[in-house]
Structure formats: structure tokens, C-alpha cells
Protein backbone atom coordinates (compact mmCIF):
# COMPACT_ATOMS: atom_id res chain seq x y z
CA MET A 1 0.00 0.00 0.00
CA LYS A 2 2.84 2.35 -0.64
CA ASN A 3 2.08 5.83 -2.02
CA ILE A 4 -1.72 5.57 -1.72
CA THR A 5 -3.57 8.69 -0.65
CA VAL A 6 -5.95 8.45 2.30
CA GLY A 7 -8.86 9.37 0.05
CA LYS A 8 -8.36 6.19 -1.95
CA LEU A 9 -8.45 3.92 1.09
CA SER A 10 -11.58 1.95 1.90
CA GLU A 11 -13.74 3.02 4.84
CA GLU A 12 -12.31 0.17 6.92
CA GLU A 13 -8.73 1.09 6.05
CA ARG A 14 -9.35 4.77 6.94
CA ALA A 15 -10.92 3.79 10.27
CA LYS A 16 -7.94 1.59 11.12
CA LEU A 17 -5.52 4.34 10.08
CA ASN A 18 -7.31 6.87 12.30
CA LEU A 19 -7.19 4.47 15.25
CA PHE A 20 -3.50 3.81 14.58
CA PHE A 21 -2.70 7.52 14.63
CA ALA A 22 -4.71 8.08 17.81
CA LEU A 23 -2.89 5.26 19.59
CA THR A 24 0.58 6.17 18.34
CA GLU A 25 0.06 9.68 19.66
CA LYS A 26 -0.48 8.14 23.11
CA ALA A 27 -4.07 9.30 23.26
CA LYS A 28 -5.58 9.26 26.74
CA LEU A 29 -9.08 8.78 25.30
CA VAL A 30 -10.25 7.13 22.08
CA ILE A 31 -13.93 7.29 21.08
CA LEU A 32 -15.17 4.69 18.63
CA ASP A 33 -18.68 5.07 17.27
CA ASP A 34 -20.01 1.57 16.59
CA PRO A 35 -16.77 0.21 15.08
CA TRP A 36 -18.54 -2.99 14.05
CA ALA A 37 -20.87 -1.16 11.67
CA ASN A 38 -20.12 -1.81 8.01
CA SER A 39 -18.27 -5.00 8.99
CA LEU A 40 -15.16 -3.22 10.23
CA ASN A 41 -12.76 -5.88 11.42
CA PHE A 42 -11.22 -4.62 14.66
CA ASP A 43 -9.71 -6.83 17.34
CA LEU A 44 -10.69 -4.32 20.02
CA GLU A 45 -10.07 -6.67 22.92
CA ASN A 46 -6.42 -7.02 21.89
CA ILE A 47 -6.06 -3.30 21.16
CA ILE A 48 -7.47 -2.35 24.56
CA LYS A 49 -5.15 -4.79 26.36
CA ASN A 50 -2.12 -3.33 24.57
CA PHE A 51 -2.96 0.26 25.52
CA PRO A 52 -3.64 0.11 29.28
CA HIS A 53 -3.17 3.87 29.74
CA THR A 54 -5.77 4.74 27.11
CA SER A 55 -9.47 4.91 27.92
CA PHE A 56 -11.94 3.81 25.28
CA ILE A 57 -15.54 4.91 24.83
CA ILE A 58 -17.22 2.56 22.39
CA THR A 59 -20.78 2.85 21.18
CA SER A 60 -22.75 -0.19 20.11
CA LYS A 61 -26.36 -0.75 19.14
CA SER A 62 -26.09 -4.31 20.36
CA PRO A 63 -24.65 -5.77 23.59
CA GLU A 64 -22.91 -8.75 21.95
CA PRO A 65 -19.73 -7.08 20.68
CA ILE A 66 -19.04 -5.22 23.92
CA TYR A 67 -19.74 -8.07 26.35
CA ASP A 68 -16.15 -9.35 26.56
CA ILE A 69 -14.36 -6.01 26.42
CA ALA A 70 -16.31 -3.48 28.49
CA ASP A 71 -15.60 -2.78 32.15
CA LYS A 72 -18.63 -0.54 32.42
CA ILE A 73 -21.67 -0.13 30.21
CA TYR A 74 -24.01 2.84 30.05
CA ILE A 75 -27.33 2.11 28.39
CA LEU A 76 -28.69 5.20 26.67
CA HIS A 77 -32.18 5.76 25.35
CA GLU A 78 -33.54 8.99 23.92
CA GLY A 79 -30.40 10.85 24.99
CA LYS A 80 -30.55 9.80 28.64
CA ILE A 81 -28.57 7.28 30.65
CA LYS A 82 -31.06 4.59 31.61
CA LYS A 83 -28.64 2.21 33.34
CA ALA A 84 -24.98 2.08 34.33
CA ILE A 85 -23.66 -1.45 34.82
CA THR A 86 -20.25 -2.71 35.90
CA LYS A 87 -18.78 -6.03 34.78
CA GLN A 88 -20.17 -7.67 37.93
CA GLY A 89 -23.67 -6.52 36.96
CA TYR A 90 -23.71 -8.52 33.75
CA SER A 91 -22.13 -11.84 34.58
CA SER A 92 -23.53 -13.44 31.42
CA LEU A 93 -24.36 -12.27 27.93
CA GLU A 94 -27.98 -13.29 28.48
CA LYS A 95 -28.21 -11.07 31.57
CA LEU A 96 -26.69 -8.17 29.64
CA LYS A 97 -29.16 -8.68 26.77
CA SER A 98 -32.01 -8.70 29.27
CA LEU A 99 -30.84 -5.47 30.92
CA TYR A 100 -30.29 -3.89 27.53
CA SER A 101 -33.77 -4.71 26.27
CA GLN A 102 -35.34 -3.60 29.57
CA TYR A 103 -33.76 -0.14 29.56
CA ALA A 104 -33.35 0.54 25.86
CA PRO A 105 -36.34 -1.03 24.11
CA GLU A 106 -36.53 -1.04 20.34
CA ASP A 107 -38.56 1.82 18.87
């Protein structure tokens, strides 16, 4: 991929490049808006483990992708925090799905 302009990169390649630059600059906070949308292939669990001094805020419309990586989850609905849950509060994916559907029902 030598000598390719950023504008010619795919959406996934641009997203990965942006994350790379944020992490190489020793960012204290990285915000990722639903990185699994459009089938972006991120190994976020590995990235998070390798940057222990960086905080990540990750949005997701579904609880499945964040189950293994999140220490704390805030469920938002209509612009308001409906529930804040720590890892101990969602000991299984089924419990997290139940909490999610209870506090952020589908419209």
C-alpha cells in the first residue's frame, strides 16, 4: 500500500488508520462510534489490552460485541442514561441482553 492517498483507502482502512494515529500519539481517550458497523474488522479486545493507559468509549447498538471487552456499560435511550452497569452486573451475555432490552427497548 505504498504511495496511496488516504482518500483512496476503503472506509475500513481509513478507520484503522485513524485508530492507529490516535494510539501512536499516546491518546488518553479514544472514542469509537459503533466500530462494528459496516463489517469493520477490529480486534478491540487485543487493542485495549495493549494500551492500558488509554481509555476507550465505544458505542454499540447491540450488547454482543461489547460483552467481553467493556468494564462498564451505560445504556442510553432517547439521549438519557437509563442504566450504568459494571462487569459484575452482567455476569452473562444473556443477563446483559435482558438489561439492555429492559432499559433501551426497540422503537
